[in-house]
Amino acid sequence: MLTNVLDTLLVLVCVVAIVTDARHHRIPNWLTLPAIGAGLLLNGLRGWEFLLHSVAGLFFALAFMLPFFALDLLKAGDVKLVVAWGTIKGVGQPVWQSFVLWAFLYGALLGGVMSLLFLRKAGVRANFKERLKALCGVMLSRTKPLPSPDWERVPMPYGVALGLGALIALLLERWFGQACPLIRL
């Protein structure tokens, strides 16, 4: 019963994160922080073992995501979203079957596709020759810096890719019993 409630919470958090990040380029604290608390509370209602898995999921997600945040590859809202998943779903047994890990990887794959679409939309392909000439000119003469390309200013809502990745992981978990059905050990 509580498993369905937790999965519903996960879906709601992902859908709201997708919408808010697509519209406002942020994943708000009013979404992620209560989701973290609800994940801990609901798992605690299931018993101590589930609460410990939830806390372990929180720390696993945090340890997994902090390097991406420290390298400025992800924003804090993205990190808190993944930490919320960790508290809702807990850490996997074995660890490489953790929902957080596979949801993030599916999201990263979708994020790569989204990046290519954003670059194409921004016209990077059309300006490739000009950019190559400018780059060669700078490398040979070292006199003037490259102008900042417009496509660098196009914000990509990575929470959309992460949210969709989590929904894919949840569907796979529902169908096959684990977030990555290809690895069975």
C-alpha atoms as a PDB file:
ATOM      1  CA  MET A   1       0.000   0.000   0.000  1.00  0.00           C
ATOM      2  CA  LEU A   2       2.668   2.547   1.008  1.00  0.00           C
ATOM      3  CA  THR A   3       4.761   1.464  -1.971  1.00  0.00           C
ATOM      4  CA  ASN A   4       2.045   2.793  -4.284  1.00  0.00           C
ATOM      5  CA  VAL A   5       1.876   6.016  -2.273  1.00  0.00           C
ATOM      6  CA  LEU A   6       5.653   6.442  -2.558  1.00  0.00           C
ATOM      7  CA  ASP A   7       5.572   5.781  -6.307  1.00  0.00           C
ATOM      8  CA  THR A   8       2.719   8.284  -6.701  1.00  0.00           C
ATOM      9  CA  LEU A   9       4.734  10.843  -4.734  1.00  0.00           C
ATOM     10  CA  LEU A  10       7.706  10.200  -7.019  1.00  0.00           C
ATOM     11  CA  VAL A  11       5.573  10.713 -10.138  1.00  0.00           C
ATOM     12  CA  LEU A  12       4.066  13.941  -8.764  1.00  0.00           C
ATOM     13  CA  VAL A  13       7.477  15.314  -7.807  1.00  0.00           C
ATOM     14  CA  CYS A  14       8.870  14.482 -11.253  1.00  0.00           C
ATOM     15  CA  VAL A  15       5.932  16.005 -13.137  1.00  0.00           C
ATOM     16  CA  VAL A  16       6.021  19.223 -11.104  1.00  0.00           C
ATOM     17  CA  ALA A  17       9.824  19.419 -11.490  1.00  0.00           C
ATOM     18  CA  ILE A  18       9.517  18.957 -15.255  1.00  0.00           C
ATOM     19  CA  VAL A  19       6.903  21.704 -15.543  1.00  0.00           C
ATOM     20  CA  THR A  20       8.625  24.218 -13.256  1.00  0.00           C
ATOM     21  CA  ASP A  21      12.042  23.670 -14.798  1.00  0.00           C
ATOM     22  CA  ALA A  22      10.659  23.944 -18.332  1.00  0.00           C
ATOM     23  CA  ARG A  23       8.786  27.151 -17.500  1.00  0.00           C
ATOM     24  CA  HIS A  24      11.011  28.919 -14.991  1.00  0.00           C
ATOM     25  CA  HIS A  25      14.396  27.147 -15.293  1.00  0.00           C
ATOM     26  CA  ARG A  26      14.331  26.192 -11.605  1.00  0.00           C
ATOM     27  CA  ILE A  27      13.327  23.300  -9.423  1.00  0.00           C
ATOM     28  CA  PRO A  28      11.960  25.026  -6.326  1.00  0.00           C
ATOM     29  CA  ASN A  29      12.690  24.199  -2.702  1.00  0.00           C
ATOM     30  CA  TRP A  30       8.954  24.091  -1.955  1.00  0.00           C
ATOM     31  CA  LEU A  31       8.901  20.934  -4.082  1.00  0.00           C
ATOM     32  CA  THR A  32      12.123  19.129  -3.202  1.00  0.00           C
ATOM     33  CA  LEU A  33      12.434  19.734   0.539  1.00  0.00           C
ATOM     34  CA  PRO A  34       8.927  18.491   1.444  1.00  0.00           C
ATOM     35  CA  ALA A  35       9.472  15.532  -0.909  1.00  0.00           C
ATOM     36  CA  ILE A  36      12.631  14.620   1.009  1.00  0.00           C
ATOM     37  CA  GLY A  37      10.747  14.872   4.297  1.00  0.00           C
ATOM     38  CA  ALA A  38       7.766  12.895   2.945  1.00  0.00           C
ATOM     39  CA  GLY A  39      10.080  10.161   1.649  1.00  0.00           C
ATOM     40  CA  LEU A  40      11.673   9.794   5.068  1.00  0.00           C
ATOM     41  CA  LEU A  41       8.325   9.931   6.891  1.00  0.00           C
ATOM     42  CA  LEU A  42       6.503   7.457   4.646  1.00  0.00           C
ATOM     43  CA  ASN A  43       9.380   5.004   4.696  1.00  0.00           C
ATOM     44  CA  GLY A  44       9.575   5.415   8.467  1.00  0.00           C
ATOM     45  CA  LEU A  45       5.911   4.415   8.699  1.00  0.00           C
ATOM     46  CA  ARG A  46       6.823   1.160   6.956  1.00  0.00           C
ATOM     47  CA  GLY A  47       9.376   0.319   9.670  1.00  0.00           C
ATOM     48  CA  TRP A  48      12.966   0.877  10.781  1.00  0.00           C
ATOM     49  CA  GLU A  49      14.470  -1.119   7.943  1.00  0.00           C
ATOM     50  CA  PHE A  50      12.714   1.043   5.339  1.00  0.00           C
ATOM     51  CA  LEU A  51      13.668   4.213   7.177  1.00  0.00           C
ATOM     52  CA  LEU A  52      17.323   3.127   7.144  1.00  0.00           C
ATOM     53  CA  HIS A  53      17.079   2.391   3.401  1.00  0.00           C
ATOM     54  CA  SER A  54      15.572   5.830   2.904  1.00  0.00           C
ATOM     55  CA  VAL A  55      18.354   7.550   4.865  1.00  0.00           C
ATOM     56  CA  ALA A  56      20.938   5.477   2.980  1.00  0.00           C
ATOM     57  CA  GLY A  57      19.250   6.527  -0.274  1.00  0.00           C
ATOM     58  CA  LEU A  58      19.526  10.164   0.779  1.00  0.00           C
ATOM     59  CA  PHE A  59      23.252   9.873   1.487  1.00  0.00           C
ATOM     60  CA  PHE A  60      23.901   7.760  -1.613  1.00  0.00           C
ATOM     61  CA  ALA A  61      22.146  10.319  -3.833  1.00  0.00           C
ATOM     62  CA  LEU A  62      23.933  13.210  -2.137  1.00  0.00           C
ATOM     63  CA  ALA A  63      27.355  11.565  -2.477  1.00  0.00           C
ATOM     64  CA  PHE A  64      26.590  10.682  -6.077  1.00  0.00           C
ATOM     65  CA  MET A  65      25.400  14.182  -7.037  1.00  0.00           C
ATOM     66  CA  LEU A  66      27.789  16.468  -5.121  1.00  0.00           C
ATOM     67  CA  PRO A  67      30.683  16.071  -7.594  1.00  0.00           C
ATOM     68  CA  PHE A  68      28.397  17.211 -10.440  1.00  0.00           C
ATOM     69  CA  PHE A  69      27.327  20.206  -8.367  1.00  0.00           C
ATOM     70  CA  ALA A  70      30.910  21.013  -7.319  1.00  0.00           C
ATOM     71  CA  LEU A  71      32.000  20.987 -10.963  1.00  0.00           C
ATOM     72  CA  ASP A  72      29.091  23.329 -11.768  1.00  0.00           C
ATOM     73  CA  LEU A  73      27.558  20.746 -14.113  1.00  0.00           C
ATOM     74  CA  LEU A  74      24.232  20.669 -12.262  1.00  0.00           C
ATOM     75  CA  LYS A  75      22.310  23.227 -10.256  1.00  0.00           C
ATOM     76  CA  ALA A  76      21.254  22.798  -6.635  1.00  0.00           C
ATOM     77  CA  GLY A  77      17.634  22.120  -7.596  1.00  0.00           C
ATOM     78  CA  ASP A  78      18.740  19.175  -9.744  1.00  0.00           C
ATOM     79  CA  VAL A  79      20.742  17.768  -6.841  1.00  0.00           C
ATOM     80  CA  LYS A  80      17.857  18.166  -4.388  1.00  0.00           C
ATOM     81  CA  LEU A  81      15.492  16.488  -6.865  1.00  0.00           C
ATOM     82  CA  VAL A  82      17.731  13.423  -7.058  1.00  0.00           C
ATOM     83  CA  VAL A  83      18.150  13.413  -3.256  1.00  0.00           C
ATOM     84  CA  ALA A  84      14.345  13.417  -2.970  1.00  0.00           C
ATOM     85  CA  TRP A  85      14.259  10.315  -5.175  1.00  0.00           C
ATOM     86  CA  GLY A  86      16.833   8.726  -2.870  1.00  0.00           C
ATOM     87  CA  THR A  87      14.657   9.259   0.180  1.00  0.00           C
ATOM     88  CA  ILE A  88      11.504   8.110  -1.593  1.00  0.00           C
ATOM     89  CA  LYS A  89      12.956   4.953  -3.174  1.00  0.00           C
ATOM     90  CA  GLY A  90      15.825   4.209  -0.789  1.00  0.00           C
ATOM     91  CA  VAL A  91      19.117   2.600  -1.677  1.00  0.00           C
ATOM     92  CA  GLY A  92      18.995  -0.526  -3.813  1.00  0.00           C
ATOM     93  CA  GLN A  93      20.092  -4.009  -2.953  1.00  0.00           C
ATOM     94  CA  PRO A  94      22.704  -4.378  -4.424  1.00  0.00           C
ATOM     95  CA  VAL A  95      23.732  -0.729  -4.587  1.00  0.00           C
ATOM     96  CA  TRP A  96      24.137  -0.681  -8.375  1.00  0.00           C
ATOM     97  CA  GLN A  97      20.416  -1.438  -8.628  1.00  0.00           C
ATOM     98  CA  SER A  98      19.559   1.783  -6.784  1.00  0.00           C
ATOM     99  CA  PHE A  99      16.713   3.651  -8.418  1.00  0.00           C
ATOM    100  CA  VAL A 100      18.611   6.944  -8.085  1.00  0.00           C
ATOM    101  CA  LEU A 101      21.562   5.696 -10.110  1.00  0.00           C
ATOM    102  CA  TRP A 102      19.513   4.431 -13.047  1.00  0.00           C
ATOM    103  CA  ALA A 103      17.055   7.323 -13.040  1.00  0.00           C
ATOM    104  CA  PHE A 104      20.030   9.699 -13.226  1.00  0.00           C
ATOM    105  CA  LEU A 105      21.656   7.709 -16.042  1.00  0.00           C
ATOM    106  CA  TYR A 106      18.437   7.619 -18.079  1.00  0.00           C
ATOM    107  CA  GLY A 107      18.086  11.345 -17.436  1.00  0.00           C
ATOM    108  CA  ALA A 108      21.672  11.936 -18.562  1.00  0.00           C
ATOM    109  CA  LEU A 109      20.994  10.113 -21.821  1.00  0.00           C
ATOM    110  CA  LEU A 110      17.869  12.187 -22.396  1.00  0.00           C
ATOM    111  CA  GLY A 111      19.838  15.299 -21.424  1.00  0.00           C
ATOM    112  CA  GLY A 112      22.383  14.525 -24.141  1.00  0.00           C
ATOM    113  CA  VAL A 113      19.637  14.292 -26.738  1.00  0.00           C
ATOM    114  CA  MET A 114      18.092  17.512 -25.414  1.00  0.00           C
ATOM    115  CA  SER A 115      21.481  19.249 -25.631  1.00  0.00           C
ATOM    116  CA  LEU A 116      21.824  18.320 -29.283  1.00  0.00           C
ATOM    117  CA  LEU A 117      18.318  19.601 -29.987  1.00  0.00           C
ATOM    118  CA  PHE A 118      19.043  22.862 -28.128  1.00  0.00           C
ATOM    119  CA  LEU A 119      22.278  23.370 -30.052  1.00  0.00           C
ATOM    120  CA  ARG A 120      20.542  22.744 -33.334  1.00  0.00           C
ATOM    121  CA  LYS A 121      17.721  25.110 -32.416  1.00  0.00           C
ATOM    122  CA  ALA A 122      20.272  27.781 -31.497  1.00  0.00           C
ATOM    123  CA  GLY A 123      21.818  27.570 -34.972  1.00  0.00           C
ATOM    124  CA  VAL A 124      25.220  26.202 -34.014  1.00  0.00           C
ATOM    125  CA  ARG A 125      25.351  24.039 -37.116  1.00  0.00           C
ATOM    126  CA  ALA A 126      24.723  27.003 -39.419  1.00  0.00           C
ATOM    127  CA  ASN A 127      27.539  29.019 -37.855  1.00  0.00           C
ATOM    128  CA  PHE A 128      30.059  26.185 -37.696  1.00  0.00           C
ATOM    129  CA  LYS A 129      32.274  27.510 -40.516  1.00  0.00           C
ATOM    130  CA  GLU A 130      32.433  30.997 -39.023  1.00  0.00           C
ATOM    131  CA  ARG A 131      33.225  29.642 -35.581  1.00  0.00           C
ATOM    132  CA  LEU A 132      35.928  27.357 -36.982  1.00  0.00           C
ATOM    133  CA  LYS A 133      37.536  30.278 -38.837  1.00  0.00           C
ATOM    134  CA  ALA A 134      37.418  32.452 -35.718  1.00  0.00           C
ATOM    135  CA  LEU A 135      38.902  29.662 -33.615  1.00  0.00           C
ATOM    136  CA  CYS A 136      41.730  29.103 -36.099  1.00  0.00           C
ATOM    137  CA  GLY A 137      42.361  32.848 -36.247  1.00  0.00           C
ATOM    138  CA  VAL A 138      42.625  33.086 -32.476  1.00  0.00           C
ATOM    139  CA  MET A 139      44.847  30.013 -32.270  1.00  0.00           C
ATOM    140  CA  LEU A 140      47.224  31.355 -34.920  1.00  0.00           C
ATOM    141  CA  SER A 141      47.343  35.016 -33.981  1.00  0.00           C
ATOM    142  CA  ARG A 142      46.418  34.906 -30.276  1.00  0.00           C
ATOM    143  CA  THR A 143      45.278  38.503 -30.528  1.00  0.00           C
ATOM    144  CA  LYS A 144      41.541  38.603 -29.900  1.00  0.00           C
ATOM    145  CA  PRO A 145      39.285  36.304 -27.911  1.00  0.00           C
ATOM    146  CA  LEU A 146      36.356  34.473 -29.430  1.00  0.00           C
ATOM    147  CA  PRO A 147      33.024  36.204 -29.060  1.00  0.00           C
ATOM    148  CA  SER A 148      30.662  34.478 -26.688  1.00  0.00           C
ATOM    149  CA  PRO A 149      28.393  32.348 -28.857  1.00  0.00           C
ATOM    150  CA  ASP A 150      24.649  32.805 -28.531  1.00  0.00           C
ATOM    151  CA  TRP A 151      24.089  29.097 -27.887  1.00  0.00           C
ATOM    152  CA  GLU A 152      26.006  29.361 -24.610  1.00  0.00           C
ATOM    153  CA  ARG A 153      23.255  31.629 -23.312  1.00  0.00           C
ATOM    154  CA  VAL A 154      20.446  29.199 -24.147  1.00  0.00           C
ATOM    155  CA  PRO A 155      19.369  27.714 -20.812  1.00  0.00           C
ATOM    156  CA  MET A 156      18.621  24.019 -20.903  1.00  0.00           C
ATOM    157  CA  PRO A 157      16.204  22.818 -18.233  1.00  0.00           C
ATOM    158  CA  TYR A 158      18.055  19.680 -17.148  1.00  0.00           C
ATOM    159  CA  GLY A 159      15.328  18.903 -14.619  1.00  0.00           C
ATOM    160  CA  VAL A 160      13.120  17.953 -17.573  1.00  0.00           C
ATOM    161  CA  ALA A 161      15.583  15.251 -18.628  1.00  0.00           C
ATOM    162  CA  LEU A 162      16.081  14.103 -15.041  1.00  0.00           C
ATOM    163  CA  GLY A 163      12.346  13.918 -14.388  1.00  0.00           C
ATOM    164  CA  LEU A 164      11.727  11.941 -17.572  1.00  0.00           C
ATOM    165  CA  GLY A 165      14.635   9.642 -16.692  1.00  0.00           C
ATOM    166  CA  ALA A 166      13.067   8.943 -13.301  1.00  0.00           C
ATOM    167  CA  LEU A 167       9.709   8.175 -14.910  1.00  0.00           C
ATOM    168  CA  ILE A 168      11.414   5.733 -17.289  1.00  0.00           C
ATOM    169  CA  ALA A 169      13.209   4.081 -14.362  1.00  0.00           C
ATOM    170  CA  LEU A 170       9.915   3.789 -12.487  1.00  0.00           C
ATOM    171  CA  LEU A 171       8.182   2.194 -15.486  1.00  0.00           C
ATOM    172  CA  LEU A 172      11.030  -0.312 -15.864  1.00  0.00           C
ATOM    173  CA  GLU A 173      10.900  -1.041 -12.154  1.00  0.00           C
ATOM    174  CA  ARG A 174       7.152  -1.658 -12.345  1.00  0.00           C
ATOM    175  CA  TRP A 175       7.447  -3.912 -15.414  1.00  0.00           C
ATOM    176  CA  PHE A 176      10.641  -5.818 -14.597  1.00  0.00           C
ATOM    177  CA  GLY A 177      11.028  -5.472 -10.846  1.00  0.00           C
ATOM    178  CA  GLN A 178      14.159  -3.288 -11.029  1.00  0.00           C
ATOM    179  CA  ALA A 179      15.196   0.006 -12.592  1.00  0.00           C
ATOM    180  CA  CYS A 180      17.731  -1.642 -14.903  1.00  0.00           C
ATOM    181  CA  PRO A 181      16.383  -4.950 -16.203  1.00  0.00           C
ATOM    182  CA  LEU A 182      19.508  -5.641 -18.265  1.00  0.00           C
ATOM    183  CA  ILE A 183      21.689  -6.266 -15.203  1.00  0.00           C
ATOM    184  CA  ARG A 184      20.573  -9.280 -13.202  1.00  0.00           C
ATOM    185  CA  LEU A 185      23.019 -10.549 -10.599  1.00  0.00           C
END
